[in-house]
């Protein structure tokens, strides 16, 4: 497989930001909810942060139409999902369950007023706001926002999503638009590939990474070797320190082929630089372990 066309970046005038610190991640989400005036859609896997729930309730009270999409399946999470559904419907939000019998729902994003989108690696939980490595990308790229709304509407209604030419190429949506795009991103690397993913295990991806390493590309992977007190959760790939992929998509066969995942490609230096710096810090902490791929000798 040869490298395909690179996903196009946002227009230079589009405002985008990345939040990495735990407090900043929570503030980014709360700000988007508080600033919404007409419409909010949220794709949720888990949520137990009372401040987020209070902000959503306040949005409903000021007339914002709040819609949420939840998964029916989460490990050790059936009761908490039921409580979340009750809390959202009780405040007046419209809630749908993802109904696909095969694909598991794991996407994490928000769209406010059809113009602002947040693509997240985190769940709005006390744990993810305090004890995990995670990231929140906020973008004013309206093509990304509109594409996520189309995906949300399809998933909430049980229809297959349609990925036409107007669907943002920056969005990697699993399982339909994830494996091939991840392969192209890896094949396109010329100098370095840095990965934060404690679930990296897919044989095809590992084979490609090993081929790129043999071709002279510096390939480094951090799994669970994070500095205390951070736990591994968020997924990140930094390529040549000029592009980054951020979101819920893991490099496992289950995530690539059988889960609804959403990740966003960024190549704005203002976003890539802090992501690359965070990656370097994690890689330095992991030391020699970061240079091993699954299957390499210990």
Foldseek 3Di string as FASTA:
>chain_A
DAFDDDFDAFDPVKDKDKDWALVRQVVVLLVLLQPFQAEKEWEAEAADDVVNLVSNLVNVVNPHAYEYEYECDDVVCNVRSVVVVCSQVVSPHHYAYQDDPFAGEDFGKMAGPLFKIKFWLDGNYPCSSHAAGIMIMIIRRSLQSVLVVQVVVCRRVVHDGDDDPSRRPQKQWPQVRHPVNLLSLLNPADAEKFKEAQQADAPVNLVSNVVVVVVHHQYFYDHQLAPPPHGRGWIKMQGPLQKMKGHNAHNYCCRHHRYTIIIGMHRDNNHSVVVVVVRVVRRVSVPPNRRDDPPDDD
